[in-house]
């Protein structure tokens, strides 16, 4: 059986306040969110899709490609930075360009490791405007048949030269997880291990962790998400360490950094 699922109910309470501000009513909206099962084999395919092995039950793929038939599918969304090949999209209109973080000289702030521009999450207005772009991507993941979504570069504040704060990205994360749940998707925390204890309070349901074996962070995610942690390691020694310590509990795969279809793909 390739697919293991667990159902959870996420309740959102919306309060409507009347003109007198003395009376209010609330409607409780329940959305069924399907959670990935812990400890199953998984594939990290955000750099290109390919048929997963028969033992695989969870697959992460980019939002622009189809999910894997018969598996639990996590939709990859780069929510806090731009994709390198999508710069033209962000430059095309003033409205989009205004959402790219600029330094004091007016230059786009770049994550030099990946050539990605950081998105500007610093004010409520900016965050609302970003949701007009990212929100439809999330809805598209649901329409395509994904069951979960992972939001990459949650820790972009660490590459912003002090322009973005942790508080800014947490506030945007709340909007993202709420939109995911409204679309019927489970929401995945991507990296930032230190946030894990507070992740569920922000609306996250599971974690996708790059190199938590290398940095000895897997336990933080495991405790916060009841072992619903999907680990990718890029170095052999880190993969081996993660498998020895966490292979019986967490889903761990070793991939090449470019996560190409023909690249490294090993599981514990």
C-alpha atoms as a PDB file:
ATOM      1  CA  UNK A   1       0.000   0.000   0.000  1.00  0.00           C
ATOM      2  CA  UNK A   2       1.638   3.221  -1.184  1.00  0.00           C
ATOM      3  CA  UNK A   3      -0.398   5.726   0.714  1.00  0.00           C
ATOM      4  CA  UNK A   4      -0.870   6.173   4.451  1.00  0.00           C
ATOM      5  CA  UNK A   5      -3.030   9.015   5.623  1.00  0.00           C
ATOM      6  CA  UNK A   6      -4.379  10.489   8.800  1.00  0.00           C
ATOM      7  CA  UNK A   7      -7.231  12.919   8.964  1.00  0.00           C
ATOM      8  CA  UNK A   8      -7.320  15.974  11.181  1.00  0.00           C
ATOM      9  CA  UNK A   9      -9.853  18.751  11.520  1.00  0.00           C
ATOM     10  CA  UNK A  10      -8.656  22.339  11.540  1.00  0.00           C
ATOM     11  CA  UNK A  11     -11.176  24.824  12.910  1.00  0.00           C
ATOM     12  CA  UNK A  12     -11.130  28.492  11.936  1.00  0.00           C
ATOM     13  CA  UNK A  13     -13.252  30.913  13.938  1.00  0.00           C
ATOM     14  CA  UNK A  14     -14.337  34.124  12.261  1.00  0.00           C
ATOM     15  CA  UNK A  15     -15.866  36.894  14.390  1.00  0.00           C
ATOM     16  CA  UNK A  16     -18.092  39.542  12.882  1.00  0.00           C
ATOM     17  CA  UNK A  17     -18.437  42.711  14.978  1.00  0.00           C
ATOM     18  CA  UNK A  18     -21.475  44.945  14.508  1.00  0.00           C
ATOM     19  CA  UNK A  19     -21.406  48.737  14.231  1.00  0.00           C
ATOM     20  CA  UNK A  20     -22.008  49.170  17.952  1.00  0.00           C
ATOM     21  CA  UNK A  21     -18.983  46.971  18.737  1.00  0.00           C
ATOM     22  CA  UNK A  22     -21.140  45.524  21.557  1.00  0.00           C
ATOM     23  CA  UNK A  23     -22.459  42.374  19.900  1.00  0.00           C
ATOM     24  CA  UNK A  24     -20.650  39.751  17.916  1.00  0.00           C
ATOM     25  CA  UNK A  25     -21.344  36.403  16.346  1.00  0.00           C
ATOM     26  CA  UNK A  26     -18.942  33.704  15.248  1.00  0.00           C
ATOM     27  CA  UNK A  27     -19.066  30.978  12.653  1.00  0.00           C
ATOM     28  CA  UNK A  28     -16.888  27.898  13.011  1.00  0.00           C
ATOM     29  CA  UNK A  29     -15.640  26.518   9.733  1.00  0.00           C
ATOM     30  CA  UNK A  30     -14.217  23.008   9.791  1.00  0.00           C
ATOM     31  CA  UNK A  31     -11.876  21.923   7.028  1.00  0.00           C
ATOM     32  CA  UNK A  32     -10.689  18.317   6.709  1.00  0.00           C
ATOM     33  CA  UNK A  33      -6.919  18.330   6.292  1.00  0.00           C
ATOM     34  CA  UNK A  34      -5.123  15.135   5.346  1.00  0.00           C
ATOM     35  CA  UNK A  35      -1.816  14.730   7.163  1.00  0.00           C
ATOM     36  CA  UNK A  36       1.129  12.682   5.912  1.00  0.00           C
ATOM     37  CA  UNK A  37       1.920   9.613   7.999  1.00  0.00           C
ATOM     38  CA  UNK A  38       5.193   9.564   9.914  1.00  0.00           C
ATOM     39  CA  UNK A  39       8.098   7.269   9.182  1.00  0.00           C
ATOM     40  CA  UNK A  40       7.220   6.293   5.609  1.00  0.00           C
ATOM     41  CA  UNK A  41       9.619   6.342   2.654  1.00  0.00           C
ATOM     42  CA  UNK A  42       9.548   9.617   0.771  1.00  0.00           C
ATOM     43  CA  UNK A  43      10.952  11.325  -2.331  1.00  0.00           C
ATOM     44  CA  UNK A  44      12.092  14.942  -2.621  1.00  0.00           C
ATOM     45  CA  UNK A  45      11.503  15.800  -6.284  1.00  0.00           C
ATOM     46  CA  UNK A  46      11.370  19.600  -6.400  1.00  0.00           C
ATOM     47  CA  UNK A  47      14.088  19.740  -9.075  1.00  0.00           C
ATOM     48  CA  UNK A  48      12.230  17.504 -11.508  1.00  0.00           C
ATOM     49  CA  UNK A  49       9.707  14.699 -11.224  1.00  0.00           C
ATOM     50  CA  UNK A  50      10.273  10.997 -11.836  1.00  0.00           C
ATOM     51  CA  UNK A  51       8.381   7.777 -10.952  1.00  0.00           C
ATOM     52  CA  UNK A  52       8.907   7.059  -7.247  1.00  0.00           C
ATOM     53  CA  UNK A  53       9.957   3.654  -5.955  1.00  0.00           C
ATOM     54  CA  UNK A  54       7.187   1.296  -4.931  1.00  0.00           C
ATOM     55  CA  UNK A  55       7.955   1.738  -1.229  1.00  0.00           C
ATOM     56  CA  UNK A  56       7.482   5.511  -1.357  1.00  0.00           C
ATOM     57  CA  UNK A  57       4.345   6.955   0.203  1.00  0.00           C
ATOM     58  CA  UNK A  58       5.100  10.698   0.321  1.00  0.00           C
ATOM     59  CA  UNK A  59       6.418  12.840  -2.543  1.00  0.00           C
ATOM     60  CA  UNK A  60       7.287  16.547  -2.666  1.00  0.00           C
ATOM     61  CA  UNK A  61       7.089  18.197  -6.095  1.00  0.00           C
ATOM     62  CA  UNK A  62       7.087  21.728  -7.453  1.00  0.00           C
ATOM     63  CA  UNK A  63       3.739  23.480  -7.732  1.00  0.00           C
ATOM     64  CA  UNK A  64       4.117  23.640 -11.522  1.00  0.00           C
ATOM     65  CA  UNK A  65       4.096  19.863 -12.061  1.00  0.00           C
ATOM     66  CA  UNK A  66       1.506  17.150 -11.489  1.00  0.00           C
ATOM     67  CA  UNK A  67       1.409  15.186  -8.229  1.00  0.00           C
ATOM     68  CA  UNK A  68       2.443  11.538  -8.081  1.00  0.00           C
ATOM     69  CA  UNK A  69      -0.474   9.163  -8.546  1.00  0.00           C
ATOM     70  CA  UNK A  70      -1.334   7.100  -5.486  1.00  0.00           C
ATOM     71  CA  UNK A  71       0.986   8.903  -3.065  1.00  0.00           C
ATOM     72  CA  UNK A  72       0.593  11.640  -0.478  1.00  0.00           C
ATOM     73  CA  UNK A  73       1.813  14.716  -2.362  1.00  0.00           C
ATOM     74  CA  UNK A  74       3.418  17.833  -0.884  1.00  0.00           C
ATOM     75  CA  UNK A  75       3.383  20.911  -3.113  1.00  0.00           C
ATOM     76  CA  UNK A  76       6.594  22.971  -3.087  1.00  0.00           C
ATOM     77  CA  UNK A  77       5.969  26.734  -2.969  1.00  0.00           C
ATOM     78  CA  UNK A  78       8.815  29.245  -2.676  1.00  0.00           C
ATOM     79  CA  UNK A  79       6.780  31.670  -0.578  1.00  0.00           C
ATOM     80  CA  UNK A  80       9.479  33.913   0.885  1.00  0.00           C
ATOM     81  CA  UNK A  81      11.864  34.288  -2.083  1.00  0.00           C
ATOM     82  CA  UNK A  82      11.609  34.310  -5.873  1.00  0.00           C
ATOM     83  CA  UNK A  83      12.457  31.347  -8.063  1.00  0.00           C
ATOM     84  CA  UNK A  84      15.577  32.155 -10.147  1.00  0.00           C
ATOM     85  CA  UNK A  85      13.747  31.545 -13.423  1.00  0.00           C
ATOM     86  CA  UNK A  86      10.793  33.751 -12.418  1.00  0.00           C
ATOM     87  CA  UNK A  87      12.578  37.083 -12.087  1.00  0.00           C
ATOM     88  CA  UNK A  88      10.792  38.423 -15.167  1.00  0.00           C
ATOM     89  CA  UNK A  89       7.448  37.821 -13.445  1.00  0.00           C
ATOM     90  CA  UNK A  90       8.460  39.965 -10.457  1.00  0.00           C
ATOM     91  CA  UNK A  91       9.957  42.692 -12.662  1.00  0.00           C
ATOM     92  CA  UNK A  92       7.066  42.813 -15.108  1.00  0.00           C
ATOM     93  CA  UNK A  93       4.726  45.098 -13.156  1.00  0.00           C
ATOM     94  CA  UNK A  94       5.280  47.802 -10.568  1.00  0.00           C
ATOM     95  CA  UNK A  95       2.941  45.980  -8.162  1.00  0.00           C
ATOM     96  CA  UNK A  96       5.089  42.837  -8.221  1.00  0.00           C
ATOM     97  CA  UNK A  97       8.404  44.677  -8.191  1.00  0.00           C
ATOM     98  CA  UNK A  98       7.278  46.572  -5.090  1.00  0.00           C
ATOM     99  CA  UNK A  99       7.036  43.243  -3.240  1.00  0.00           C
ATOM    100  CA  UNK A 100      10.716  42.426  -3.748  1.00  0.00           C
ATOM    101  CA  UNK A 101      12.854  43.443  -0.769  1.00  0.00           C
ATOM    102  CA  UNK A 102      15.200  46.363  -1.549  1.00  0.00           C
ATOM    103  CA  UNK A 103      18.264  47.536   0.309  1.00  0.00           C
ATOM    104  CA  UNK A 104      18.814  51.177   1.233  1.00  0.00           C
ATOM    105  CA  UNK A 105      20.260  51.822  -2.232  1.00  0.00           C
ATOM    106  CA  UNK A 106      17.105  50.487  -3.883  1.00  0.00           C
ATOM    107  CA  UNK A 107      18.684  47.225  -5.051  1.00  0.00           C
ATOM    108  CA  UNK A 108      16.922  43.882  -4.746  1.00  0.00           C
ATOM    109  CA  UNK A 109      18.276  41.847  -1.826  1.00  0.00           C
ATOM    110  CA  UNK A 110      19.635  38.536  -3.105  1.00  0.00           C
ATOM    111  CA  UNK A 111      20.114  35.129  -1.536  1.00  0.00           C
ATOM    112  CA  UNK A 112      23.528  34.645  -3.083  1.00  0.00           C
ATOM    113  CA  UNK A 113      23.512  30.866  -2.606  1.00  0.00           C
ATOM    114  CA  UNK A 114      20.587  30.412  -4.997  1.00  0.00           C
ATOM    115  CA  UNK A 115      20.335  33.693  -6.904  1.00  0.00           C
ATOM    116  CA  UNK A 116      16.864  34.346  -5.486  1.00  0.00           C
ATOM    117  CA  UNK A 117      15.440  37.728  -4.554  1.00  0.00           C
ATOM    118  CA  UNK A 118      13.918  38.003  -1.088  1.00  0.00           C
ATOM    119  CA  UNK A 119      10.274  38.984  -0.831  1.00  0.00           C
ATOM    120  CA  UNK A 120       9.275  41.889   1.400  1.00  0.00           C
ATOM    121  CA  UNK A 121       7.235  40.684   4.389  1.00  0.00           C
ATOM    122  CA  UNK A 122       7.858  43.720   6.612  1.00  0.00           C
ATOM    123  CA  UNK A 123       4.405  45.288   6.849  1.00  0.00           C
ATOM    124  CA  UNK A 124       0.804  44.023   6.994  1.00  0.00           C
ATOM    125  CA  UNK A 125       0.134  45.752   3.670  1.00  0.00           C
ATOM    126  CA  UNK A 126       3.096  44.035   1.987  1.00  0.00           C
ATOM    127  CA  UNK A 127       2.030  40.683   3.389  1.00  0.00           C
ATOM    128  CA  UNK A 128      -1.527  41.111   2.143  1.00  0.00           C
ATOM    129  CA  UNK A 129      -0.223  42.068  -1.288  1.00  0.00           C
ATOM    130  CA  UNK A 130       2.071  39.028  -1.356  1.00  0.00           C
ATOM    131  CA  UNK A 131      -0.944  36.836  -0.625  1.00  0.00           C
ATOM    132  CA  UNK A 132      -2.580  38.051  -3.847  1.00  0.00           C
ATOM    133  CA  UNK A 133       0.295  36.288  -5.624  1.00  0.00           C
ATOM    134  CA  UNK A 134       1.112  33.329  -3.382  1.00  0.00           C
ATOM    135  CA  UNK A 135      -2.485  32.616  -2.353  1.00  0.00           C
ATOM    136  CA  UNK A 136      -3.560  31.523  -5.849  1.00  0.00           C
ATOM    137  CA  UNK A 137      -0.464  29.290  -6.028  1.00  0.00           C
ATOM    138  CA  UNK A 138      -1.673  27.525  -2.885  1.00  0.00           C
ATOM    139  CA  UNK A 139      -5.166  27.169  -4.313  1.00  0.00           C
ATOM    140  CA  UNK A 140      -3.601  25.778  -7.482  1.00  0.00           C
ATOM    141  CA  UNK A 141      -1.806  23.100  -5.467  1.00  0.00           C
ATOM    142  CA  UNK A 142      -5.142  21.970  -4.045  1.00  0.00           C
ATOM    143  CA  UNK A 143      -6.839  22.032  -7.446  1.00  0.00           C
ATOM    144  CA  UNK A 144      -4.028  19.905  -8.910  1.00  0.00           C
ATOM    145  CA  UNK A 145      -4.578  17.193  -6.303  1.00  0.00           C
ATOM    146  CA  UNK A 146      -1.839  17.797  -3.738  1.00  0.00           C
ATOM    147  CA  UNK A 147      -2.662  17.040  -0.096  1.00  0.00           C
ATOM    148  CA  UNK A 148      -0.033  19.256   1.579  1.00  0.00           C
ATOM    149  CA  UNK A 149       2.138  22.281   0.840  1.00  0.00           C
ATOM    150  CA  UNK A 150       5.638  23.240   2.016  1.00  0.00           C
ATOM    151  CA  UNK A 151       6.596  26.914   2.192  1.00  0.00           C
ATOM    152  CA  UNK A 152      10.265  27.404   1.400  1.00  0.00           C
ATOM    153  CA  UNK A 153      12.642  30.048   2.770  1.00  0.00           C
ATOM    154  CA  UNK A 154      10.708  30.697   5.956  1.00  0.00           C
ATOM    155  CA  UNK A 155      14.086  31.770   7.355  1.00  0.00           C
ATOM    156  CA  UNK A 156      14.718  34.459   4.719  1.00  0.00           C
ATOM    157  CA  UNK A 157      15.085  36.997   7.539  1.00  0.00           C
ATOM    158  CA  UNK A 158      18.517  35.465   8.190  1.00  0.00           C
ATOM    159  CA  UNK A 159      19.667  36.571   4.705  1.00  0.00           C
ATOM    160  CA  UNK A 160      18.076  40.020   4.716  1.00  0.00           C
ATOM    161  CA  UNK A 161      20.916  42.012   6.311  1.00  0.00           C
ATOM    162  CA  UNK A 162      18.596  42.868   9.175  1.00  0.00           C
ATOM    163  CA  UNK A 163      15.815  44.306   7.011  1.00  0.00           C
ATOM    164  CA  UNK A 164      13.318  41.505   7.720  1.00  0.00           C
ATOM    165  CA  UNK A 165      12.604  40.319  11.259  1.00  0.00           C
ATOM    166  CA  UNK A 166      11.566  36.921  12.529  1.00  0.00           C
ATOM    167  CA  UNK A 167       8.274  38.514  13.552  1.00  0.00           C
ATOM    168  CA  UNK A 168       7.635  39.603   9.947  1.00  0.00           C
ATOM    169  CA  UNK A 169       8.029  36.091   8.576  1.00  0.00           C
ATOM    170  CA  UNK A 170       5.985  34.546  11.364  1.00  0.00           C
ATOM    171  CA  UNK A 171       3.144  36.931  10.540  1.00  0.00           C
ATOM    172  CA  UNK A 172       3.313  35.968   6.869  1.00  0.00           C
ATOM    173  CA  UNK A 173       3.466  32.290   7.812  1.00  0.00           C
ATOM    174  CA  UNK A 174       0.136  32.643   9.628  1.00  0.00           C
ATOM    175  CA  UNK A 175      -1.462  33.945   6.424  1.00  0.00           C
ATOM    176  CA  UNK A 176       0.045  31.097   4.406  1.00  0.00           C
ATOM    177  CA  UNK A 177      -1.072  28.314   6.737  1.00  0.00           C
ATOM    178  CA  UNK A 178      -4.576  29.773   7.000  1.00  0.00           C
ATOM    179  CA  UNK A 179      -4.855  29.866   3.211  1.00  0.00           C
ATOM    180  CA  UNK A 180      -3.560  26.288   2.969  1.00  0.00           C
ATOM    181  CA  UNK A 181      -6.093  25.035   5.489  1.00  0.00           C
ATOM    182  CA  UNK A 182      -8.897  26.935   3.764  1.00  0.00           C
ATOM    183  CA  UNK A 183      -7.919  25.099   0.567  1.00  0.00           C
ATOM    184  CA  UNK A 184      -7.919  21.751   2.376  1.00  0.00           C
ATOM    185  CA  UNK A 185      -4.124  21.379   2.439  1.00  0.00           C
ATOM    186  CA  UNK A 186      -1.860  20.475   5.342  1.00  0.00           C
ATOM    187  CA  UNK A 187       0.851  23.104   5.867  1.00  0.00           C
ATOM    188  CA  UNK A 188       4.525  22.223   6.154  1.00  0.00           C
ATOM    189  CA  UNK A 189       7.195  24.169   8.025  1.00  0.00           C
ATOM    190  CA  UNK A 190      10.327  24.266   5.850  1.00  0.00           C
ATOM    191  CA  UNK A 191      13.557  24.510   7.885  1.00  0.00           C
ATOM    192  CA  UNK A 192      14.177  27.048  10.727  1.00  0.00           C
ATOM    193  CA  UNK A 193      14.460  24.374  13.426  1.00  0.00           C
ATOM    194  CA  UNK A 194      14.385  26.897  16.263  1.00  0.00           C
ATOM    195  CA  UNK A 195      10.824  27.801  15.290  1.00  0.00           C
ATOM    196  CA  UNK A 196       9.571  24.219  15.630  1.00  0.00           C
ATOM    197  CA  UNK A 197       8.160  24.458  19.172  1.00  0.00           C
ATOM    198  CA  UNK A 198       5.974  27.357  18.002  1.00  0.00           C
ATOM    199  CA  UNK A 199       5.313  25.994  14.531  1.00  0.00           C
ATOM    200  CA  UNK A 200       1.968  24.309  15.309  1.00  0.00           C
ATOM    201  CA  UNK A 201       0.713  27.543  16.880  1.00  0.00           C
ATOM    202  CA  UNK A 202       1.439  29.264  13.554  1.00  0.00           C
ATOM    203  CA  UNK A 203      -0.643  26.628  11.774  1.00  0.00           C
ATOM    204  CA  UNK A 204       2.031  24.204  10.596  1.00  0.00           C
ATOM    205  CA  UNK A 205       1.094  20.509  10.582  1.00  0.00           C
ATOM    206  CA  UNK A 206       4.366  18.806   9.596  1.00  0.00           C
ATOM    207  CA  UNK A 207       7.951  19.711   8.695  1.00  0.00           C
ATOM    208  CA  UNK A 208      10.272  19.368   5.721  1.00  0.00           C
ATOM    209  CA  UNK A 209      13.823  19.658   7.041  1.00  0.00           C
ATOM    210  CA  UNK A 210      16.942  20.060   4.949  1.00  0.00           C
ATOM    211  CA  UNK A 211      20.089  18.719   6.618  1.00  0.00           C
ATOM    212  CA  UNK A 212      18.730  18.375  10.125  1.00  0.00           C
ATOM    213  CA  UNK A 213      21.080  15.409  10.495  1.00  0.00           C
ATOM    214  CA  UNK A 214      24.053  17.553   9.557  1.00  0.00           C
ATOM    215  CA  UNK A 215      23.151  20.258  12.047  1.00  0.00           C
ATOM    216  CA  UNK A 216      21.714  17.889  14.692  1.00  0.00           C
ATOM    217  CA  UNK A 217      18.289  19.520  14.581  1.00  0.00           C
ATOM    218  CA  UNK A 218      16.016  16.575  13.771  1.00  0.00           C
ATOM    219  CA  UNK A 219      14.876  16.143  17.374  1.00  0.00           C
ATOM    220  CA  UNK A 220      13.409  19.638  17.503  1.00  0.00           C
ATOM    221  CA  UNK A 221      11.194  18.918  14.494  1.00  0.00           C
ATOM    222  CA  UNK A 222      10.284  15.423  15.703  1.00  0.00           C
ATOM    223  CA  UNK A 223       9.082  16.701  19.074  1.00  0.00           C
ATOM    224  CA  UNK A 224       6.965  19.453  17.540  1.00  0.00           C
ATOM    225  CA  UNK A 225       5.329  17.378  14.809  1.00  0.00           C
ATOM    226  CA  UNK A 226       4.945  13.893  16.317  1.00  0.00           C
ATOM    227  CA  UNK A 227       7.578  12.505  13.886  1.00  0.00           C
ATOM    228  CA  UNK A 228       5.819  13.901  10.799  1.00  0.00           C
ATOM    229  CA  UNK A 229       9.205  15.140   9.586  1.00  0.00           C
ATOM    230  CA  UNK A 230      10.472  14.651   6.011  1.00  0.00           C
ATOM    231  CA  UNK A 231      14.252  14.974   5.991  1.00  0.00           C
ATOM    232  CA  UNK A 232      16.585  15.521   3.032  1.00  0.00           C
ATOM    233  CA  UNK A 233      20.351  15.210   3.445  1.00  0.00           C
ATOM    234  CA  UNK A 234      22.903  16.105   0.766  1.00  0.00           C
ATOM    235  CA  UNK A 235      26.110  14.631   2.186  1.00  0.00           C
ATOM    236  CA  UNK A 236      26.782  10.955   2.740  1.00  0.00           C
ATOM    237  CA  UNK A 237      28.072  11.269   6.294  1.00  0.00           C
ATOM    238  CA  UNK A 238      25.081  13.369   7.334  1.00  0.00           C
ATOM    239  CA  UNK A 239      22.656  10.937   5.730  1.00  0.00           C
ATOM    240  CA  UNK A 240      24.304   8.025   7.552  1.00  0.00           C
ATOM    241  CA  UNK A 241      24.160   9.885  10.876  1.00  0.00           C
ATOM    242  CA  UNK A 242      20.512  10.795  10.395  1.00  0.00           C
ATOM    243  CA  UNK A 243      19.627   7.221   9.504  1.00  0.00           C
ATOM    244  CA  UNK A 244      21.404   5.813  12.559  1.00  0.00           C
ATOM    245  CA  UNK A 245      19.683   8.200  14.955  1.00  0.00           C
ATOM    246  CA  UNK A 246      16.325   8.831  13.312  1.00  0.00           C
ATOM    247  CA  UNK A 247      15.817   6.243  10.573  1.00  0.00           C
ATOM    248  CA  UNK A 248      13.319   4.213  12.601  1.00  0.00           C
ATOM    249  CA  UNK A 249      11.117   7.271  13.232  1.00  0.00           C
ATOM    250  CA  UNK A 250      11.510   9.915  10.514  1.00  0.00           C
ATOM    251  CA  UNK A 251      11.304   9.860   6.719  1.00  0.00           C
ATOM    252  CA  UNK A 252      14.844  10.437   5.420  1.00  0.00           C
ATOM    253  CA  UNK A 253      16.176  10.647   1.866  1.00  0.00           C
ATOM    254  CA  UNK A 254      19.566  11.574   0.466  1.00  0.00           C
ATOM    255  CA  UNK A 255      19.451  13.731  -2.653  1.00  0.00           C
ATOM    256  CA  UNK A 256      21.934  15.694  -4.756  1.00  0.00           C
ATOM    257  CA  UNK A 257      21.820  19.445  -4.080  1.00  0.00           C
ATOM    258  CA  UNK A 258      20.217  20.145  -7.462  1.00  0.00           C
ATOM    259  CA  UNK A 259      17.617  17.411  -6.742  1.00  0.00           C
ATOM    260  CA  UNK A 260      17.715  16.364 -10.389  1.00  0.00           C
ATOM    261  CA  UNK A 261      15.718  13.336 -11.598  1.00  0.00           C
ATOM    262  CA  UNK A 262      18.900  11.437 -12.427  1.00  0.00           C
ATOM    263  CA  UNK A 263      20.762  12.428  -9.266  1.00  0.00           C
ATOM    264  CA  UNK A 264      21.360  10.765  -5.918  1.00  0.00           C
ATOM    265  CA  UNK A 265      18.248   9.251  -4.364  1.00  0.00           C
ATOM    266  CA  UNK A 266      18.748   6.963  -1.346  1.00  0.00           C
ATOM    267  CA  UNK A 267      16.641   6.130   1.690  1.00  0.00           C
ATOM    268  CA  UNK A 268      17.555   4.589   5.033  1.00  0.00           C
END
